[in-house]
Amino acid sequence: MTNTTTASPPVLARVLIIGSGIMSLANSVTVPFLAVFLHKELGLQPGAIGFIIGSSVFFSIFAGFVGGSLSDLLGRTRLLLISLLGVIGSFVGLYFSHGVLAVFLFNATMALSSSSFGPVGKALLSDLLPPGRRVKWFSYQYMTTNMGYAVGPVAGAAVGLAGDRSAFLVGALGYGIYLLGLAGILLTSSSSASAGEPGRLATGEGKTQLFGSMIKGLMESARVVASDSRLLFLITAGLLLEAVHGRVSSLLAQHLSDGFADGTVILGYVLTVNALTVVVLQLFVSRFMEKRNPVTSIVVGGLLTVLGMAGFAFAEEPWHFVAAMVVFSLGEILIYPAEFAIIDRIAPEERRGSYFGAQTFAQLGVFIGPFTGGLLLAAYGGTAMFLGVGSFALASVVIYLLVGRRIPGLAGPVPERSAERPKDEHADDMA
């Protein structure tokens, strides 16, 4: 990939950040209400709905690794454009779907397309930025994503899109706007175009040789990733954190619906507080992270996550849940950008996409957390559920303390400035 550490980030870096907000806005008026659509429009029962929605996790994991690895071989920008086209086609397909099989297939293609975009976009952002600025820009990306999720569900419900078929066309429109903007930037900016060029496959290879080279490249990427014990430890720790953060809303929904008369209202407040906390405090917390190594950020974030889950476990009043969510959200803010920063540090430059893609295996926690939580809730009640699932975060903290600090390159913060930086040191700041 192109070395861009000696220049201010091109417009493409800003487009990637803005695009994260556009995509999350489009997703948030559709994906959270997919269960409502499946029940209202197709008359599916909870078991079938859970299977369709839950299966997308496995497609996401597969697409994340394959997409990230292919971006090392074929170039980042090409994969990004293909992924956006795939999501647009999936939304349009869902709009016209009237059968279970069609919905399952288009939901699967949407998971494949959107999940391949994530690691490729992060790898490209790393390509475009000097090391000292990457954590900050990962934070920007995380913030804009949450801004979209803070606005989307409320706006979608207000205009009647919640669970309505027309929401899929709105989602396709949002992604279409981003696709046009991204393509326009790539066509008009030479520095942006060169940033996503392939690194290891010769562009002049014939088509017959290209496919074989792709397969060999994917197998080699899988071999390198599987043999990197550092990455495997970090994925395990990330999986444990994802088990807590990935579907905390489902844990809260089950607990509040059973034990509180106004549980739905409380859940709405709590989830809104989560999004607002991330949006309001992200920039302040990112400044805290810049002065510390990412392992410290994740350890502190993990401990805050445990405290937040303990708060949910013993909450009796609505404000208890709100206060616990503020603490929980602070942990979330510290963890997610730092996880990406750690992967960026250990990834070889020529396999950065593969490493970011491998990180998607941590999404298995999205299944493990709610499944374990459901078992604990049924057997022992809500208090045991929150404490039990929260213990995953504590186990992750232990892994980072025992293993993370021993990984070379993670012991200290990345220097904010270097001799290669231009004099205009803050030219790449968002604000």
Protein backbone atom coordinates (compact mmCIF):
# COMPACT_ATOMS: atom_id res chain seq x y z
CA MET A 1 0.00 0.00 0.00
CA THR A 2 1.01 3.55 -0.59
CA ASN A 3 3.02 5.21 2.15
CA THR A 4 1.25 8.42 3.09
CA THR A 5 2.91 9.21 6.36
CA THR A 6 4.70 12.23 4.94
CA ALA A 7 1.60 14.12 3.84
CA SER A 8 -1.60 15.38 5.35
CA PRO A 9 -4.44 12.88 4.94
CA PRO A 10 -6.26 13.34 1.62
CA VAL A 11 -9.94 14.10 1.31
CA LEU A 12 -10.57 10.36 1.13
CA ALA A 13 -9.83 9.99 4.85
CA ARG A 14 -12.56 12.52 5.68
CA VAL A 15 -14.95 10.85 3.24
CA LEU A 16 -14.44 7.54 5.06
CA ILE A 17 -15.32 9.20 8.38
CA ILE A 18 -18.42 10.94 7.00
CA GLY A 19 -19.42 7.76 5.21
CA SER A 20 -19.42 5.86 8.51
CA GLY A 21 -22.14 8.20 9.73
CA ILE A 22 -24.14 7.87 6.49
CA MET A 23 -23.98 4.08 6.60
CA SER A 24 -24.97 3.85 10.26
CA LEU A 25 -27.87 6.23 9.62
CA ALA A 26 -29.05 4.06 6.73
CA ASN A 27 -28.58 0.88 8.77
CA SER A 28 -30.33 2.24 11.85
CA VAL A 29 -33.64 2.90 10.08
CA THR A 30 -33.70 -0.66 8.76
CA VAL A 31 -31.67 -3.30 10.60
CA PRO A 32 -33.00 -2.69 14.17
CA PHE A 33 -36.55 -3.04 12.85
CA LEU A 34 -35.91 -6.09 10.68
CA ALA A 35 -37.58 -8.35 13.26
CA VAL A 36 -40.69 -6.13 13.16
CA PHE A 37 -40.74 -6.33 9.35
CA LEU A 38 -40.38 -10.12 9.35
CA HIS A 39 -43.27 -10.51 11.79
CA LYS A 40 -45.57 -7.84 10.36
CA GLU A 41 -44.99 -8.32 6.65
CA LEU A 42 -44.21 -12.04 6.44
CA GLY A 43 -45.90 -13.35 9.58
CA LEU A 44 -42.81 -15.21 10.79
CA GLN A 45 -42.61 -16.65 14.30
CA PRO A 46 -39.84 -15.72 16.78
CA GLY A 47 -37.82 -18.87 16.07
CA ALA A 48 -37.59 -18.19 12.34
CA ILE A 49 -36.92 -14.50 12.93
CA GLY A 50 -34.10 -15.30 15.33
CA PHE A 51 -32.56 -17.75 12.87
CA ILE A 52 -32.59 -15.27 9.96
CA ILE A 53 -31.17 -12.40 12.00
CA GLY A 54 -28.73 -14.48 14.04
CA SER A 55 -27.28 -16.28 11.03
CA SER A 56 -25.98 -12.99 9.66
CA VAL A 57 -23.21 -13.07 12.30
CA PHE A 58 -21.55 -16.04 10.61
CA PHE A 59 -21.76 -14.44 7.16
CA SER A 60 -20.25 -11.30 8.67
CA ILE A 61 -17.28 -13.16 10.12
CA PHE A 62 -16.57 -14.93 6.84
CA ALA A 63 -16.88 -11.75 4.79
CA GLY A 64 -14.75 -9.72 7.17
CA PHE A 65 -11.71 -11.95 6.82
CA VAL A 66 -12.08 -12.68 3.11
CA GLY A 67 -12.79 -9.03 2.28
CA GLY A 68 -9.85 -7.78 4.32
CA SER A 69 -7.50 -10.34 2.77
CA LEU A 70 -8.67 -9.61 -0.77
CA SER A 71 -8.06 -5.90 -0.20
CA ASP A 72 -4.38 -6.74 0.38
CA LEU A 73 -4.38 -8.53 -2.97
CA LEU A 74 -6.68 -6.46 -5.18
CA GLY A 75 -6.61 -3.03 -3.55
CA ARG A 76 -8.81 -1.37 -0.91
CA THR A 77 -10.87 1.06 -2.98
CA ARG A 78 -12.07 -1.55 -5.44
CA LEU A 79 -13.37 -3.72 -2.58
CA LEU A 80 -15.06 -0.73 -0.92
CA LEU A 81 -17.03 0.14 -4.06
CA ILE A 82 -18.04 -3.50 -4.63
CA SER A 83 -19.18 -3.77 -1.00
CA LEU A 84 -21.33 -0.64 -1.25
CA LEU A 85 -22.94 -1.96 -4.44
CA GLY A 86 -23.65 -5.23 -2.64
CA VAL A 87 -25.42 -3.49 0.26
CA ILE A 88 -27.51 -1.35 -2.12
CA GLY A 89 -28.55 -4.45 -4.06
CA SER A 90 -29.42 -6.26 -0.82
CA PHE A 91 -31.65 -3.42 0.40
CA VAL A 92 -33.46 -3.29 -2.94
CA GLY A 93 -33.83 -7.07 -2.87
CA LEU A 94 -35.33 -6.97 0.64
CA TYR A 95 -37.83 -4.35 -0.52
CA PHE A 96 -39.12 -6.71 -3.21
CA SER A 97 -38.92 -9.87 -1.06
CA HIS A 98 -42.13 -11.62 -0.09
CA GLY A 99 -40.83 -15.04 0.88
CA VAL A 100 -38.66 -16.42 3.67
CA LEU A 101 -35.95 -17.74 1.34
CA ALA A 102 -35.58 -14.41 -0.47
CA VAL A 103 -35.33 -12.50 2.83
CA PHE A 104 -32.74 -14.95 4.13
CA LEU A 105 -30.62 -14.66 0.98
CA PHE A 106 -30.70 -10.87 0.80
CA ASN A 107 -30.05 -10.53 4.53
CA ALA A 108 -27.05 -12.81 4.03
CA THR A 109 -25.71 -10.78 1.08
CA MET A 110 -26.16 -7.60 3.11
CA ALA A 111 -24.12 -9.09 5.97
CA LEU A 112 -21.45 -10.25 3.51
CA SER A 113 -21.22 -6.87 1.82
CA SER A 114 -21.35 -4.61 4.87
CA SER A 115 -18.94 -6.75 6.88
CA SER A 116 -16.34 -6.81 4.12
CA PHE A 117 -16.52 -3.00 4.00
CA GLY A 118 -15.66 -2.56 7.71
CA PRO A 119 -12.13 -4.02 7.91
CA VAL A 120 -11.22 -2.77 4.42
CA GLY A 121 -12.25 0.78 5.35
CA LYS A 122 -10.19 0.66 8.55
CA ALA A 123 -7.17 -0.71 6.70
CA LEU A 124 -7.46 2.08 4.13
CA LEU A 125 -7.74 4.67 6.89
CA SER A 126 -4.50 3.30 8.34
CA ASP A 127 -2.89 3.48 4.89
CA LEU A 128 -3.83 7.15 4.62
CA LEU A 129 -2.75 8.32 8.09
CA PRO A 130 0.56 8.57 9.96
CA PRO A 131 0.76 6.25 13.01
CA GLY A 132 0.39 9.06 15.55
CA ARG A 133 -3.00 10.11 14.18
CA ARG A 134 -4.67 6.75 13.67
CA VAL A 135 -6.15 6.33 17.16
CA LYS A 136 -7.76 9.78 16.95
CA TRP A 137 -9.26 9.05 13.56
CA PHE A 138 -10.52 5.64 14.64
CA SER A 139 -12.27 7.58 17.40
CA TYR A 140 -13.76 9.99 14.86
CA GLN A 141 -15.03 7.04 12.85
CA TYR A 142 -16.56 5.44 15.94
CA MET A 143 -18.18 8.75 16.92
CA THR A 144 -19.81 9.37 13.54
CA THR A 145 -21.08 5.80 13.50
CA ASN A 146 -22.80 6.36 16.83
CA MET A 147 -24.17 9.70 15.68
CA GLY A 148 -26.01 7.86 12.92
CA TYR A 149 -27.37 5.28 15.34
CA ALA A 150 -28.43 8.02 17.76
CA VAL A 151 -30.54 9.77 15.12
CA GLY A 152 -31.67 6.96 12.82
CA PRO A 153 -34.04 4.85 14.96
CA VAL A 154 -35.84 7.91 16.36
CA ALA A 155 -36.12 9.56 12.95
CA GLY A 156 -37.23 6.31 11.31
CA ALA A 157 -39.94 5.73 13.89
CA ALA A 158 -41.09 9.37 13.68
CA VAL A 159 -41.72 9.21 9.93
CA GLY A 160 -43.26 5.75 10.03
CA LEU A 161 -40.35 3.72 8.65
CA ALA A 162 -40.02 1.39 11.66
CA GLY A 163 -40.65 -2.09 10.28
CA ASP A 164 -42.04 -0.72 6.99
CA ARG A 165 -40.90 -2.10 3.64
CA SER A 166 -40.09 1.37 2.32
CA ALA A 167 -37.29 1.69 4.90
CA PHE A 168 -35.14 -0.58 2.71
CA LEU A 169 -35.35 1.91 -0.16
CA VAL A 170 -34.31 4.70 2.22
CA GLY A 171 -31.34 2.58 3.28
CA ALA A 172 -30.41 1.94 -0.36
CA LEU A 173 -30.63 5.68 -1.05
CA GLY A 174 -28.26 6.46 1.83
CA TYR A 175 -25.69 3.96 0.63
CA GLY A 176 -26.14 5.20 -2.94
CA ILE A 177 -25.28 8.74 -1.88
CA TYR A 178 -22.13 7.49 -0.17
CA LEU A 179 -21.19 5.35 -3.19
CA LEU A 180 -21.45 8.34 -5.53
CA GLY A 181 -19.42 10.54 -3.17
CA LEU A 182 -16.71 7.93 -2.68
CA ALA A 183 -16.47 7.17 -6.39
CA GLY A 184 -16.28 10.88 -7.18
CA ILE A 185 -13.41 11.41 -4.77
CA LEU A 186 -11.52 8.42 -6.15
CA LEU A 187 -11.92 9.69 -9.72
CA THR A 188 -10.87 13.26 -8.98
CA SER A 189 -8.07 12.75 -6.44
CA SER A 190 -4.86 11.08 -7.58
CA SER A 191 -3.57 10.63 -4.01
CA SER A 192 -6.83 8.94 -3.00
CA ALA A 193 -6.76 6.66 -5.98
CA SER A 194 -3.19 5.54 -5.38
CA ALA A 195 -3.81 4.84 -1.67
CA GLY A 196 -5.95 1.82 -2.39
CA GLU A 197 -3.86 0.20 -5.10
CA PRO A 198 -3.02 -3.50 -4.69
CA GLY A 199 0.25 -4.31 -3.01
CA ARG A 200 1.18 -7.93 -3.72
CA LEU A 201 -0.64 -8.99 -6.90
CA ALA A 202 0.74 -7.70 -10.13
CA THR A 203 -2.00 -5.76 -11.88
CA GLY A 204 -0.91 -7.09 -15.25
CA GLU A 205 -1.62 -10.74 -14.49
CA GLY A 206 -3.98 -12.57 -16.81
CA LYS A 207 -7.45 -13.45 -15.63
CA THR A 208 -6.69 -17.15 -15.46
CA GLN A 209 -3.65 -16.52 -13.29
CA LEU A 210 -5.41 -13.90 -11.20
CA PHE A 211 -7.97 -16.30 -9.73
CA GLY A 212 -5.27 -18.80 -8.78
CA SER A 213 -3.18 -16.05 -7.24
CA MET A 214 -6.18 -14.86 -5.23
CA ILE A 215 -6.78 -18.35 -3.80
CA LYS A 216 -3.10 -18.73 -2.97
CA GLY A 217 -3.07 -15.28 -1.42
CA LEU A 218 -6.10 -16.03 0.75
CA MET A 219 -4.56 -19.30 1.92
CA GLU A 220 -1.27 -17.57 2.71
CA SER A 221 -3.11 -14.83 4.62
CA ALA A 222 -5.01 -17.44 6.62
CA ARG A 223 -1.74 -19.24 7.40
CA VAL A 224 0.01 -16.08 8.57
CA VAL A 225 -2.95 -14.96 10.68
CA ALA A 226 -3.43 -18.39 12.26
CA SER A 227 0.26 -18.61 13.18
CA ASP A 228 0.39 -15.20 14.87
CA SER A 229 -0.13 -16.01 18.55
CA ARG A 230 -0.37 -12.28 19.38
CA LEU A 231 -3.35 -11.86 17.10
CA LEU A 232 -5.06 -15.02 18.39
CA PHE A 233 -4.78 -13.80 21.99
CA LEU A 234 -6.16 -10.39 21.01
CA ILE A 235 -9.05 -11.94 19.07
CA THR A 236 -9.91 -14.10 22.09
CA ALA A 237 -9.87 -11.06 24.37
CA GLY A 238 -11.92 -9.09 21.85
CA LEU A 239 -14.47 -11.91 21.60
CA LEU A 240 -14.98 -11.79 25.36
CA LEU A 241 -15.56 -8.03 25.24
CA GLU A 242 -17.88 -8.38 22.24
CA ALA A 243 -19.93 -10.92 24.21
CA VAL A 244 -20.74 -8.09 26.63
CA HIS A 245 -21.00 -5.09 24.31
CA GLY A 246 -22.36 -6.76 21.18
CA ARG A 247 -25.95 -7.28 22.26
CA VAL A 248 -26.31 -5.63 25.66
CA SER A 249 -29.58 -4.17 24.38
CA SER A 250 -31.07 -7.69 24.12
CA LEU A 251 -30.03 -8.48 27.70
CA LEU A 252 -31.60 -5.26 28.94
CA ALA A 253 -34.74 -5.83 26.88
CA GLN A 254 -35.33 -9.29 28.36
CA HIS A 255 -34.67 -8.15 31.92
CA LEU A 256 -36.73 -4.95 31.73
CA SER A 257 -39.69 -6.56 29.95
CA ASP A 258 -40.02 -9.20 32.67
CA GLY A 259 -39.40 -7.18 35.81
CA PHE A 260 -40.64 -3.64 35.10
CA ALA A 261 -44.07 -2.43 34.09
CA ASP A 262 -42.62 0.37 31.98
CA GLY A 263 -39.63 -1.64 30.83
CA THR A 264 -39.95 -0.63 27.16
CA VAL A 265 -39.84 3.06 28.05
CA ILE A 266 -36.82 2.54 30.31
CA LEU A 267 -35.05 0.61 27.55
CA GLY A 268 -35.61 3.49 25.12
CA TYR A 269 -34.10 5.97 27.56
CA VAL A 270 -31.14 3.74 28.33
CA LEU A 271 -30.27 3.08 24.68
CA THR A 272 -30.55 6.79 23.88
CA VAL A 273 -28.22 7.57 26.76
CA ASN A 274 -25.74 5.05 25.34
CA ALA A 275 -25.64 6.77 21.94
CA LEU A 276 -25.54 10.29 23.39
CA THR A 277 -22.75 9.42 25.83
CA VAL A 278 -20.61 8.10 22.99
CA VAL A 279 -21.29 11.12 20.76
CA VAL A 280 -20.72 13.74 23.48
CA LEU A 281 -17.71 12.23 25.23
CA GLN A 282 -15.86 10.51 22.38
CA LEU A 283 -13.55 13.44 21.55
CA PHE A 284 -12.68 14.07 25.20
CA VAL A 285 -11.92 10.41 25.81
CA SER A 286 -9.83 10.19 22.61
CA ARG A 287 -7.54 12.88 24.02
CA PHE A 288 -7.11 10.74 27.12
CA MET A 289 -6.26 7.75 24.95
CA GLU A 290 -3.64 9.61 22.92
CA LYS A 291 -1.41 9.96 25.98
CA ARG A 292 -1.64 6.29 26.94
CA ASN A 293 -0.97 2.98 25.31
CA PRO A 294 -4.00 1.15 23.89
CA VAL A 295 -3.66 -1.75 26.33
CA THR A 296 -4.20 0.65 29.25
CA SER A 297 -7.25 2.10 27.50
CA ILE A 298 -8.79 -1.35 27.05
CA VAL A 299 -8.02 -2.42 30.63
CA VAL A 300 -9.68 0.72 32.03
CA GLY A 301 -12.54 0.34 29.57
CA GLY A 302 -13.01 -3.30 30.52
CA LEU A 303 -13.19 -2.45 34.23
CA LEU A 304 -15.76 0.26 33.52
CA THR A 305 -17.73 -2.30 31.51
CA VAL A 306 -17.75 -4.65 34.50
CA LEU A 307 -18.93 -1.82 36.77
CA GLY A 308 -21.67 -0.93 34.30
CA MET A 309 -22.91 -4.52 34.16
CA ALA A 310 -22.88 -4.67 37.97
CA GLY A 311 -24.94 -1.48 37.96
CA PHE A 312 -27.53 -3.12 35.68
CA ALA A 313 -27.55 -6.21 37.92
CA PHE A 314 -28.53 -4.29 41.03
CA ALA A 315 -30.56 -1.47 39.45
CA GLU A 316 -34.05 -0.96 40.87
CA GLU A 317 -35.04 2.47 39.55
CA PRO A 318 -34.91 3.91 36.00
CA TRP A 319 -32.13 6.33 36.90
CA HIS A 320 -30.05 3.41 38.17
CA PHE A 321 -30.10 1.92 34.67
CA VAL A 322 -29.29 5.29 33.12
CA ALA A 323 -26.31 5.82 35.45
CA ALA A 324 -25.05 2.29 34.82
CA MET A 325 -25.31 2.87 31.06
CA VAL A 326 -23.18 6.03 31.31
CA VAL A 327 -20.42 4.01 33.02
CA PHE A 328 -20.86 1.14 30.54
CA SER A 329 -20.67 3.57 27.59
CA LEU A 330 -17.46 5.14 28.89
CA GLY A 331 -15.92 1.68 28.84
CA GLU A 332 -17.17 1.17 25.29
CA ILE A 333 -15.61 4.47 24.16
CA LEU A 334 -12.23 3.45 25.55
CA ILE A 335 -12.29 -0.06 24.13
CA TYR A 336 -13.33 0.07 20.48
CA PRO A 337 -10.84 2.56 18.99
CA ALA A 338 -8.04 1.05 21.08
CA GLU A 339 -8.78 -2.43 19.72
CA PHE A 340 -8.35 -1.16 16.17
CA ALA A 341 -5.17 0.67 17.18
CA ILE A 342 -3.69 -2.54 18.60
CA ILE A 343 -4.44 -4.51 15.43
CA ASP A 344 -2.91 -1.69 13.39
CA ARG A 345 0.30 -1.88 15.42
CA ILE A 346 0.88 -5.62 15.08
CA ALA A 347 -0.24 -5.99 11.46
CA PRO A 348 2.45 -6.22 8.76
CA GLU A 349 1.81 -3.43 6.27
CA GLU A 350 1.30 -5.83 3.37
CA ARG A 351 -1.32 -7.81 5.36
CA ARG A 352 -3.10 -5.02 7.19
CA GLY A 353 -6.44 -5.87 5.57
CA SER A 354 -6.09 -9.53 6.57
CA TYR A 355 -5.44 -8.61 10.20
CA PHE A 356 -8.38 -6.22 10.40
CA GLY A 357 -10.49 -8.87 8.71
CA ALA A 358 -9.39 -11.53 11.20
CA GLN A 359 -10.57 -9.25 13.99
CA THR A 360 -14.14 -9.90 12.84
CA PHE A 361 -13.88 -13.39 14.36
CA ALA A 362 -14.45 -11.60 17.66
CA GLN A 363 -18.04 -11.14 16.51
CA LEU A 364 -18.70 -14.68 17.67
CA GLY A 365 -19.17 -12.95 21.01
CA VAL A 366 -22.37 -11.43 19.60
CA PHE A 367 -23.81 -14.96 19.72
CA ILE A 368 -22.11 -16.14 22.92
CA GLY A 369 -23.18 -13.17 25.06
CA PRO A 370 -26.95 -13.25 24.46
CA PHE A 371 -27.02 -17.08 24.48
CA THR A 372 -25.24 -17.27 27.84
CA GLY A 373 -27.31 -14.39 29.17
CA GLY A 374 -30.55 -16.09 28.19
CA LEU A 375 -29.56 -19.29 29.99
CA LEU A 376 -28.57 -17.37 33.15
CA LEU A 377 -31.74 -15.29 33.07
CA ALA A 378 -33.97 -18.35 32.79
CA ALA A 379 -32.15 -20.23 35.54
CA TYR A 380 -31.11 -17.56 38.05
CA GLY A 381 -32.65 -14.20 37.14
CA GLY A 382 -31.48 -10.84 35.86
CA THR A 383 -28.85 -10.16 38.53
CA ALA A 384 -26.98 -13.37 37.73
CA MET A 385 -27.33 -12.69 33.99
CA PHE A 386 -25.62 -9.28 34.12
CA LEU A 387 -22.92 -10.43 36.53
CA GLY A 388 -22.27 -13.61 34.57
CA VAL A 389 -22.01 -11.93 31.19
CA GLY A 390 -20.04 -9.07 32.75
CA SER A 391 -17.45 -11.60 33.92
CA PHE A 392 -16.47 -12.05 30.24
CA ALA A 393 -15.17 -8.47 30.28
CA LEU A 394 -13.21 -9.19 33.47
CA ALA A 395 -11.63 -12.24 31.82
CA SER A 396 -10.66 -10.07 28.84
CA VAL A 397 -8.99 -7.56 31.16
CA VAL A 398 -6.93 -10.39 32.68
CA ILE A 399 -5.80 -11.48 29.19
CA TYR A 400 -4.71 -7.96 28.30
CA LEU A 401 -2.86 -7.58 31.60
CA LEU A 402 -1.05 -10.91 31.29
CA VAL A 403 -0.48 -11.04 27.54
CA GLY A 404 -1.09 -7.61 26.02
CA ARG A 405 1.69 -5.86 27.89
CA ARG A 406 4.20 -8.49 26.78
CA ILE A 407 3.57 -7.92 23.06
CA PRO A 408 6.37 -5.78 21.60
CA GLY A 409 5.16 -2.42 20.38
CA LEU A 410 2.15 -2.14 22.66
CA ALA A 411 3.90 -0.94 25.81
CA GLY A 412 3.75 2.76 25.02
CA PRO A 413 1.83 5.31 23.00
CA VAL A 414 2.63 5.95 19.34
CA PRO A 415 4.53 9.26 19.02
CA GLU A 416 2.10 11.98 17.98
CA ARG A 417 4.69 13.69 15.80
CA SER A 418 7.73 12.49 13.93
CA ALA A 419 10.53 14.03 11.96
CA GLU A 420 8.69 13.09 8.78
CA ARG A 421 5.59 15.09 9.69
CA PRO A 422 5.02 18.36 7.83
CA LYS A 423 5.22 21.59 9.78
CA ASP A 424 1.45 21.92 9.70
CA GLU A 425 1.08 19.29 12.41
CA HIS A 426 -2.64 19.66 12.85
CA ALA A 427 -3.61 19.74 9.21
CA ASP A 428 -5.39 16.42 9.57
CA ASP A 429 -7.54 17.34 12.57
CA MET A 430 -11.25 17.06 11.97
CA ALA A 431 -12.10 20.13 13.99
